[in-house]
């Protein structure tokens, strides 16, 4: 696991997760997802959620036809300690109508994974 935590923001500018490759943690330090080398994001059960953009945000296509197959989950990491405050989010461009911000619009994709 990479020791550097990369904040992941919502389109509203809220820091809602952290990436410590390949793991994604919520703001409490709990593991909620993982990312592969192609930036695809999966729940801890291996279900496809979306991908990480350069912003960074976690987005997916609105159409469920674009969902990838489930993958084998990876080994559970240790809980991490997160910082109390985070830098302001970068200016986020609007997403195309064909994409949604998963952390903002479908946070339940990450809930109850454990």
C-alpha atoms as a PDB file:
ATOM      1  CA  UNK A   1       0.000   0.000   0.000  1.00  0.00           C
ATOM      2  CA  UNK A   2       1.195   3.456  -0.915  1.00  0.00           C
ATOM      3  CA  UNK A   3       1.645   5.689   2.167  1.00  0.00           C
ATOM      4  CA  UNK A   4       0.535   8.803   0.278  1.00  0.00           C
ATOM      5  CA  UNK A   5      -3.189   9.513   0.606  1.00  0.00           C
ATOM      6  CA  UNK A   6      -4.766  11.123  -2.444  1.00  0.00           C
ATOM      7  CA  UNK A   7      -8.060  12.860  -1.660  1.00  0.00           C
ATOM      8  CA  UNK A   8     -10.994  11.925  -3.884  1.00  0.00           C
ATOM      9  CA  UNK A   9     -13.609  14.631  -4.226  1.00  0.00           C
ATOM     10  CA  UNK A  10     -17.249  14.839  -5.214  1.00  0.00           C
ATOM     11  CA  UNK A  11     -18.427  17.201  -7.927  1.00  0.00           C
ATOM     12  CA  UNK A  12     -19.661  19.480  -5.127  1.00  0.00           C
ATOM     13  CA  UNK A  13     -16.049  19.825  -3.918  1.00  0.00           C
ATOM     14  CA  UNK A  14     -16.299  17.657  -0.800  1.00  0.00           C
ATOM     15  CA  UNK A  15     -13.469  15.287   0.062  1.00  0.00           C
ATOM     16  CA  UNK A  16     -15.336  11.982   0.419  1.00  0.00           C
ATOM     17  CA  UNK A  17     -12.620   9.337   0.098  1.00  0.00           C
ATOM     18  CA  UNK A  18      -8.883   8.717  -0.074  1.00  0.00           C
ATOM     19  CA  UNK A  19      -6.815   6.624  -2.433  1.00  0.00           C
ATOM     20  CA  UNK A  20      -3.777   4.764  -1.172  1.00  0.00           C
ATOM     21  CA  UNK A  21      -3.188   2.600  -4.223  1.00  0.00           C
ATOM     22  CA  UNK A  22      -4.815   0.183  -4.737  1.00  0.00           C
ATOM     23  CA  UNK A  23      -7.169   0.828  -1.805  1.00  0.00           C
ATOM     24  CA  UNK A  24      -9.891   3.461  -1.438  1.00  0.00           C
ATOM     25  CA  UNK A  25     -10.917   4.497   2.070  1.00  0.00           C
ATOM     26  CA  UNK A  26     -13.776   6.637   3.352  1.00  0.00           C
ATOM     27  CA  UNK A  27     -13.141   9.767   5.425  1.00  0.00           C
ATOM     28  CA  UNK A  28     -13.174   7.656   8.607  1.00  0.00           C
ATOM     29  CA  UNK A  29     -10.325   5.463   7.337  1.00  0.00           C
ATOM     30  CA  UNK A  30     -12.469   2.409   6.544  1.00  0.00           C
ATOM     31  CA  UNK A  31     -11.795   0.452   3.366  1.00  0.00           C
ATOM     32  CA  UNK A  32     -14.643   0.926   0.865  1.00  0.00           C
ATOM     33  CA  UNK A  33     -13.248  -0.008  -2.572  1.00  0.00           C
ATOM     34  CA  UNK A  34     -10.176  -0.754  -4.636  1.00  0.00           C
ATOM     35  CA  UNK A  35      -8.802   0.392  -7.976  1.00  0.00           C
ATOM     36  CA  UNK A  36      -6.944  -1.545 -10.668  1.00  0.00           C
ATOM     37  CA  UNK A  37      -4.102  -0.386 -12.900  1.00  0.00           C
ATOM     38  CA  UNK A  38      -6.616   0.861 -15.486  1.00  0.00           C
ATOM     39  CA  UNK A  39      -8.294   3.135 -12.867  1.00  0.00           C
ATOM     40  CA  UNK A  40     -11.420   0.966 -12.683  1.00  0.00           C
ATOM     41  CA  UNK A  41     -12.987   1.076  -9.208  1.00  0.00           C
ATOM     42  CA  UNK A  42     -14.539  -1.991  -7.562  1.00  0.00           C
ATOM     43  CA  UNK A  43     -16.403  -2.501  -4.289  1.00  0.00           C
ATOM     44  CA  UNK A  44     -14.634  -4.606  -1.691  1.00  0.00           C
ATOM     45  CA  UNK A  45     -16.779  -7.505  -2.972  1.00  0.00           C
ATOM     46  CA  UNK A  46     -15.362  -7.015  -6.480  1.00  0.00           C
ATOM     47  CA  UNK A  47     -18.416  -5.339  -8.063  1.00  0.00           C
ATOM     48  CA  UNK A  48     -17.660  -2.680 -10.660  1.00  0.00           C
ATOM     49  CA  UNK A  49     -18.426   0.866  -9.466  1.00  0.00           C
ATOM     50  CA  UNK A  50     -16.811   3.162 -12.033  1.00  0.00           C
ATOM     51  CA  UNK A  51     -13.418   4.748 -12.640  1.00  0.00           C
ATOM     52  CA  UNK A  52     -11.201   7.454 -11.166  1.00  0.00           C
ATOM     53  CA  UNK A  53     -10.880  10.621 -13.222  1.00  0.00           C
ATOM     54  CA  UNK A  54      -7.893  12.986 -13.204  1.00  0.00           C
ATOM     55  CA  UNK A  55      -9.833  15.457 -10.950  1.00  0.00           C
ATOM     56  CA  UNK A  56      -9.901  13.001  -8.975  1.00  0.00           C
ATOM     57  CA  UNK A  57     -13.533  11.809  -8.782  1.00  0.00           C
ATOM     58  CA  UNK A  58     -15.160   8.393  -9.040  1.00  0.00           C
ATOM     59  CA  UNK A  59     -17.583   8.385 -11.952  1.00  0.00           C
ATOM     60  CA  UNK A  60     -19.512   5.846 -13.991  1.00  0.00           C
ATOM     61  CA  UNK A  61     -21.672   5.823 -17.068  1.00  0.00           C
ATOM     62  CA  UNK A  62     -25.399   6.306 -16.419  1.00  0.00           C
ATOM     63  CA  UNK A  63     -26.211   3.355 -18.672  1.00  0.00           C
ATOM     64  CA  UNK A  64     -25.883   0.048 -16.841  1.00  0.00           C
ATOM     65  CA  UNK A  65     -24.957  -1.579 -20.173  1.00  0.00           C
ATOM     66  CA  UNK A  66     -21.423  -0.278 -19.630  1.00  0.00           C
ATOM     67  CA  UNK A  67     -20.848  -2.117 -16.330  1.00  0.00           C
ATOM     68  CA  UNK A  68     -17.911  -4.496 -16.159  1.00  0.00           C
ATOM     69  CA  UNK A  69     -17.999  -8.006 -14.779  1.00  0.00           C
ATOM     70  CA  UNK A  70     -17.260  -8.683 -11.139  1.00  0.00           C
ATOM     71  CA  UNK A  71     -13.600  -9.341 -10.270  1.00  0.00           C
ATOM     72  CA  UNK A  72     -11.964 -11.286  -7.474  1.00  0.00           C
ATOM     73  CA  UNK A  73     -11.746  -9.072  -4.353  1.00  0.00           C
ATOM     74  CA  UNK A  74      -8.308  -8.169  -3.073  1.00  0.00           C
ATOM     75  CA  UNK A  75      -6.893  -8.704   0.408  1.00  0.00           C
ATOM     76  CA  UNK A  76      -8.356  -6.436   3.103  1.00  0.00           C
ATOM     77  CA  UNK A  77      -5.941  -3.695   4.181  1.00  0.00           C
ATOM     78  CA  UNK A  78      -5.483  -2.280   7.642  1.00  0.00           C
ATOM     79  CA  UNK A  79      -7.587   0.712   8.605  1.00  0.00           C
ATOM     80  CA  UNK A  80      -5.795   3.997   7.983  1.00  0.00           C
ATOM     81  CA  UNK A  81      -5.601   7.268   9.863  1.00  0.00           C
ATOM     82  CA  UNK A  82      -6.834  10.194   7.818  1.00  0.00           C
ATOM     83  CA  UNK A  83      -6.051  13.865   8.220  1.00  0.00           C
ATOM     84  CA  UNK A  84      -8.606  16.068   9.953  1.00  0.00           C
ATOM     85  CA  UNK A  85      -8.660  18.695   7.215  1.00  0.00           C
ATOM     86  CA  UNK A  86      -8.065  18.576   3.493  1.00  0.00           C
ATOM     87  CA  UNK A  87      -7.094  21.144   0.898  1.00  0.00           C
ATOM     88  CA  UNK A  88      -9.877  22.686  -1.133  1.00  0.00           C
ATOM     89  CA  UNK A  89     -10.976  20.695  -4.138  1.00  0.00           C
ATOM     90  CA  UNK A  90      -9.676  21.713  -7.544  1.00  0.00           C
ATOM     91  CA  UNK A  91     -12.139  23.365  -9.898  1.00  0.00           C
ATOM     92  CA  UNK A  92     -14.224  20.510 -11.263  1.00  0.00           C
ATOM     93  CA  UNK A  93     -15.629  20.621 -14.771  1.00  0.00           C
ATOM     94  CA  UNK A  94     -19.235  19.533 -15.159  1.00  0.00           C
ATOM     95  CA  UNK A  95     -19.662  15.876 -15.990  1.00  0.00           C
ATOM     96  CA  UNK A  96     -21.284  14.952 -19.290  1.00  0.00           C
ATOM     97  CA  UNK A  97     -24.949  13.903 -18.997  1.00  0.00           C
ATOM     98  CA  UNK A  98     -23.847  10.338 -19.704  1.00  0.00           C
ATOM     99  CA  UNK A  99     -21.794  10.158 -16.450  1.00  0.00           C
ATOM    100  CA  UNK A 100     -22.597  10.383 -12.743  1.00  0.00           C
ATOM    101  CA  UNK A 101     -20.443  11.126  -9.719  1.00  0.00           C
ATOM    102  CA  UNK A 102     -20.727   7.896  -7.721  1.00  0.00           C
ATOM    103  CA  UNK A 103     -19.532   9.262  -4.359  1.00  0.00           C
ATOM    104  CA  UNK A 104     -22.007  12.141  -4.616  1.00  0.00           C
ATOM    105  CA  UNK A 105     -24.997  10.531  -6.360  1.00  0.00           C
ATOM    106  CA  UNK A 106     -24.763   6.867  -5.342  1.00  0.00           C
ATOM    107  CA  UNK A 107     -22.794   6.695  -2.074  1.00  0.00           C
ATOM    108  CA  UNK A 108     -24.701   3.514  -1.169  1.00  0.00           C
ATOM    109  CA  UNK A 109     -22.470   1.680  -3.674  1.00  0.00           C
ATOM    110  CA  UNK A 110     -19.800   1.858  -0.951  1.00  0.00           C
ATOM    111  CA  UNK A 111     -21.980   1.234   2.138  1.00  0.00           C
ATOM    112  CA  UNK A 112     -22.221  -2.183   3.716  1.00  0.00           C
ATOM    113  CA  UNK A 113     -19.352  -3.641   1.772  1.00  0.00           C
ATOM    114  CA  UNK A 114     -17.707  -4.999   4.893  1.00  0.00           C
END
